[in-house]
N, C-alpha and C. Protein backbone atom coordinates (compact mmCIF):
# COMPACT_ATOMS: atom_id res chain seq x y z
N MET A 1 43.11 -28.12 15.35
CA MET A 1 43.58 -29.37 14.83
C MET A 1 44.58 -29.09 13.71
N LEU A 2 45.61 -29.86 13.65
CA LEU A 2 46.62 -29.75 12.62
C LEU A 2 46.66 -31.08 11.87
N ILE A 3 46.51 -31.00 10.56
CA ILE A 3 46.58 -32.19 9.71
C ILE A 3 47.80 -32.03 8.83
N VAL A 4 48.67 -33.02 8.84
CA VAL A 4 49.90 -32.98 8.04
C VAL A 4 49.84 -34.10 7.02
N LEU A 5 50.14 -33.78 5.77
CA LEU A 5 50.22 -34.78 4.72
C LEU A 5 51.69 -34.98 4.38
N GLU A 6 52.16 -36.20 4.50
CA GLU A 6 53.56 -36.54 4.24
C GLU A 6 53.65 -37.36 2.96
N GLY A 7 54.76 -37.23 2.28
CA GLY A 7 55.00 -38.05 1.10
C GLY A 7 56.15 -37.51 0.30
N MET A 8 56.60 -38.31 -0.66
CA MET A 8 57.72 -37.88 -1.48
C MET A 8 57.29 -36.85 -2.51
N ASP A 9 58.26 -36.15 -3.07
CA ASP A 9 57.98 -35.12 -4.06
C ASP A 9 57.20 -35.70 -5.23
N GLY A 10 56.16 -34.97 -5.64
CA GLY A 10 55.40 -35.36 -6.82
C GLY A 10 54.32 -36.39 -6.60
N CYS A 11 54.04 -36.74 -5.34
CA CYS A 11 53.05 -37.79 -5.09
C CYS A 11 51.62 -37.25 -4.95
N GLY A 12 51.45 -35.92 -5.00
CA GLY A 12 50.11 -35.36 -4.96
C GLY A 12 49.68 -34.76 -3.64
N LYS A 13 50.62 -34.48 -2.76
CA LYS A 13 50.28 -33.89 -1.45
C LYS A 13 49.53 -32.58 -1.59
N SER A 14 50.00 -31.71 -2.46
CA SER A 14 49.38 -30.39 -2.63
C SER A 14 47.95 -30.52 -3.16
N VAL A 15 47.75 -31.40 -4.11
CA VAL A 15 46.41 -31.61 -4.68
C VAL A 15 45.46 -32.13 -3.59
N HIS A 16 45.91 -33.12 -2.85
CA HIS A 16 45.07 -33.68 -1.79
C HIS A 16 44.81 -32.67 -0.69
N ALA A 17 45.81 -31.87 -0.36
CA ALA A 17 45.65 -30.86 0.68
C ALA A 17 44.61 -29.82 0.27
N LYS A 18 44.68 -29.34 -0.96
CA LYS A 18 43.69 -28.37 -1.46
C LYS A 18 42.29 -28.96 -1.45
N ASN A 19 42.15 -30.20 -1.89
CA ASN A 19 40.84 -30.86 -1.90
C ASN A 19 40.31 -31.07 -0.48
N LEU A 20 41.19 -31.40 0.44
CA LEU A 20 40.79 -31.60 1.83
C LEU A 20 40.29 -30.30 2.45
N VAL A 21 40.97 -29.19 2.20
CA VAL A 21 40.54 -27.89 2.72
C VAL A 21 39.17 -27.52 2.14
N LYS A 22 38.99 -27.72 0.84
CA LYS A 22 37.69 -27.44 0.22
C LYS A 22 36.59 -28.29 0.85
N PHE A 23 36.87 -29.57 1.06
CA PHE A 23 35.88 -30.48 1.64
C PHE A 23 35.51 -30.06 3.06
N ILE A 24 36.51 -29.77 3.88
CA ILE A 24 36.25 -29.38 5.27
C ILE A 24 35.44 -28.08 5.31
N ASN A 25 35.84 -27.11 4.52
CA ASN A 25 35.14 -25.83 4.53
C ASN A 25 33.71 -25.94 3.99
N ALA A 26 33.51 -26.80 3.00
CA ALA A 26 32.17 -26.99 2.45
C ALA A 26 31.27 -27.77 3.40
N SER A 27 31.85 -28.70 4.12
CA SER A 27 31.03 -29.56 4.97
C SER A 27 30.61 -28.90 6.28
N ASN A 28 31.41 -27.95 6.79
CA ASN A 28 31.01 -27.33 8.05
C ASN A 28 30.43 -25.94 7.86
N GLY A 29 30.56 -25.38 6.66
CA GLY A 29 29.96 -24.09 6.35
C GLY A 29 30.59 -22.90 7.05
N LYS A 30 31.65 -23.10 7.81
CA LYS A 30 32.28 -22.01 8.55
C LYS A 30 33.57 -21.53 7.93
N GLY A 31 34.11 -22.27 6.99
CA GLY A 31 35.36 -21.87 6.37
C GLY A 31 36.52 -21.83 7.34
N SER A 32 36.61 -22.80 8.22
CA SER A 32 37.60 -22.75 9.28
C SER A 32 38.94 -23.40 8.93
N ALA A 33 39.02 -24.11 7.82
CA ALA A 33 40.27 -24.77 7.45
C ALA A 33 41.10 -23.83 6.58
N ILE A 34 42.39 -23.77 6.85
CA ILE A 34 43.31 -22.98 6.03
C ILE A 34 44.43 -23.89 5.56
N LEU A 35 45.00 -23.55 4.43
CA LEU A 35 46.07 -24.34 3.84
C LEU A 35 47.39 -23.61 4.04
N LEU A 36 48.34 -24.30 4.64
CA LEU A 36 49.68 -23.76 4.84
C LEU A 36 50.67 -24.73 4.22
N ARG A 37 51.76 -24.19 3.72
CA ARG A 37 52.83 -25.08 3.28
C ARG A 37 53.97 -24.95 4.27
N GLU A 38 54.74 -26.02 4.36
CA GLU A 38 55.79 -26.01 5.37
C GLU A 38 57.11 -26.45 4.75
N PRO A 39 58.13 -25.69 4.88
CA PRO A 39 58.11 -24.36 5.49
C PRO A 39 57.52 -23.36 4.51
N GLY A 40 56.94 -22.32 5.03
CA GLY A 40 56.37 -21.27 4.20
C GLY A 40 55.10 -20.70 4.80
N SER A 41 54.38 -19.94 4.02
CA SER A 41 53.08 -19.35 4.35
C SER A 41 53.15 -18.04 5.11
N THR A 42 54.30 -17.64 5.61
CA THR A 42 54.49 -16.31 6.18
C THR A 42 55.78 -15.75 5.57
N PRO A 43 55.97 -14.45 5.59
CA PRO A 43 57.21 -13.92 5.00
C PRO A 43 58.49 -14.51 5.61
N ALA A 44 58.54 -14.62 6.92
CA ALA A 44 59.73 -15.19 7.57
C ALA A 44 59.89 -16.67 7.20
N SER A 45 58.79 -17.40 7.18
CA SER A 45 58.86 -18.83 6.83
C SER A 45 59.25 -19.04 5.38
N GLU A 46 58.84 -18.14 4.50
CA GLU A 46 59.25 -18.23 3.10
C GLU A 46 60.76 -18.00 2.98
N ALA A 47 61.30 -17.08 3.77
CA ALA A 47 62.75 -16.86 3.78
C ALA A 47 63.47 -18.11 4.28
N ILE A 48 62.93 -18.73 5.30
CA ILE A 48 63.51 -19.99 5.81
C ILE A 48 63.46 -21.06 4.72
N ARG A 49 62.33 -21.13 4.01
CA ARG A 49 62.18 -22.11 2.92
C ARG A 49 63.28 -21.90 1.88
N ASN A 50 63.55 -20.64 1.53
CA ASN A 50 64.58 -20.35 0.54
C ASN A 50 65.95 -20.83 1.01
N VAL A 51 66.26 -20.65 2.28
CA VAL A 51 67.54 -21.12 2.82
C VAL A 51 67.63 -22.64 2.69
N ILE A 52 66.57 -23.34 3.07
CA ILE A 52 66.58 -24.81 3.01
C ILE A 52 66.71 -25.30 1.57
N MET A 53 65.98 -24.66 0.66
CA MET A 53 65.97 -25.13 -0.72
C MET A 53 67.25 -24.78 -1.48
N GLU A 54 67.89 -23.67 -1.13
CA GLU A 54 69.02 -23.19 -1.91
C GLU A 54 70.38 -23.59 -1.36
N HIS A 55 70.42 -24.08 -0.12
CA HIS A 55 71.71 -24.39 0.50
C HIS A 55 71.73 -25.84 0.97
N ASP A 56 72.89 -26.42 0.89
CA ASP A 56 73.08 -27.79 1.38
C ASP A 56 73.41 -27.70 2.86
N THR A 57 72.39 -27.85 3.69
CA THR A 57 72.57 -27.69 5.13
C THR A 57 72.59 -29.06 5.83
N LEU A 58 73.11 -29.06 7.03
CA LEU A 58 73.14 -30.27 7.84
C LEU A 58 71.72 -30.66 8.27
N PRO A 59 71.48 -31.94 8.50
CA PRO A 59 70.16 -32.37 8.93
C PRO A 59 69.66 -31.64 10.20
N ILE A 60 70.53 -31.41 11.17
CA ILE A 60 70.11 -30.72 12.38
C ILE A 60 69.72 -29.28 12.07
N THR A 61 70.40 -28.67 11.12
CA THR A 61 70.06 -27.31 10.70
C THR A 61 68.68 -27.30 10.05
N ASP A 62 68.41 -28.27 9.19
CA ASP A 62 67.08 -28.39 8.58
C ASP A 62 66.00 -28.55 9.64
N LEU A 63 66.26 -29.41 10.61
CA LEU A 63 65.30 -29.63 11.69
C LEU A 63 64.99 -28.33 12.42
N LEU A 64 66.01 -27.60 12.79
CA LEU A 64 65.81 -26.36 13.53
C LEU A 64 65.12 -25.30 12.67
N LEU A 65 65.46 -25.24 11.39
CA LEU A 65 64.81 -24.29 10.50
C LEU A 65 63.33 -24.64 10.30
N PHE A 66 63.02 -25.92 10.15
CA PHE A 66 61.62 -26.34 10.03
C PHE A 66 60.85 -25.98 11.29
N ASN A 67 61.45 -26.20 12.46
CA ASN A 67 60.77 -25.86 13.71
C ASN A 67 60.57 -24.36 13.84
N ALA A 68 61.55 -23.57 13.42
CA ALA A 68 61.40 -22.11 13.45
C ALA A 68 60.26 -21.67 12.52
N SER A 69 60.18 -22.28 11.35
CA SER A 69 59.11 -21.96 10.40
C SER A 69 57.75 -22.33 10.97
N ARG A 70 57.65 -23.51 11.58
CA ARG A 70 56.37 -23.93 12.16
C ARG A 70 55.94 -22.99 13.29
N SER A 71 56.89 -22.60 14.11
CA SER A 71 56.60 -21.67 15.19
C SER A 71 56.05 -20.35 14.64
N GLU A 72 56.68 -19.87 13.60
CA GLU A 72 56.24 -18.62 12.95
C GLU A 72 54.82 -18.76 12.40
N SER A 73 54.54 -19.88 11.75
CA SER A 73 53.21 -20.12 11.19
C SER A 73 52.15 -20.19 12.27
N VAL A 74 52.45 -20.85 13.36
CA VAL A 74 51.48 -20.98 14.46
C VAL A 74 51.19 -19.61 15.08
N GLU A 75 52.20 -18.81 15.28
CA GLU A 75 52.01 -17.49 15.88
C GLU A 75 51.27 -16.52 14.96
N GLU A 76 51.52 -16.64 13.66
CA GLU A 76 50.85 -15.75 12.70
C GLU A 76 49.42 -16.18 12.51
C-alpha cells in the first residue's frame, strides 16, 4: 500500500507522515511502514531532488523527474 500526503509547503505533511508511520508500526507490531520523501530517499532520487530544487525546469521535465524518482524508490 502506498499512502501519499499532499499539501502546500509548511502545512505539516512531514509531521503527519512521521506520526502516521509511528502509529501504523505500533498498531500492527510488525514495523512494516516506512517513510519516504518524494523525490528522495535513495541516492539517485536525492540527486533528482537537487535538480528539481536548484533549477527552473519545465513542468513536463518535473513530471518526468518525479516519475524517475518514484521508480527508483519502488525498485530500491
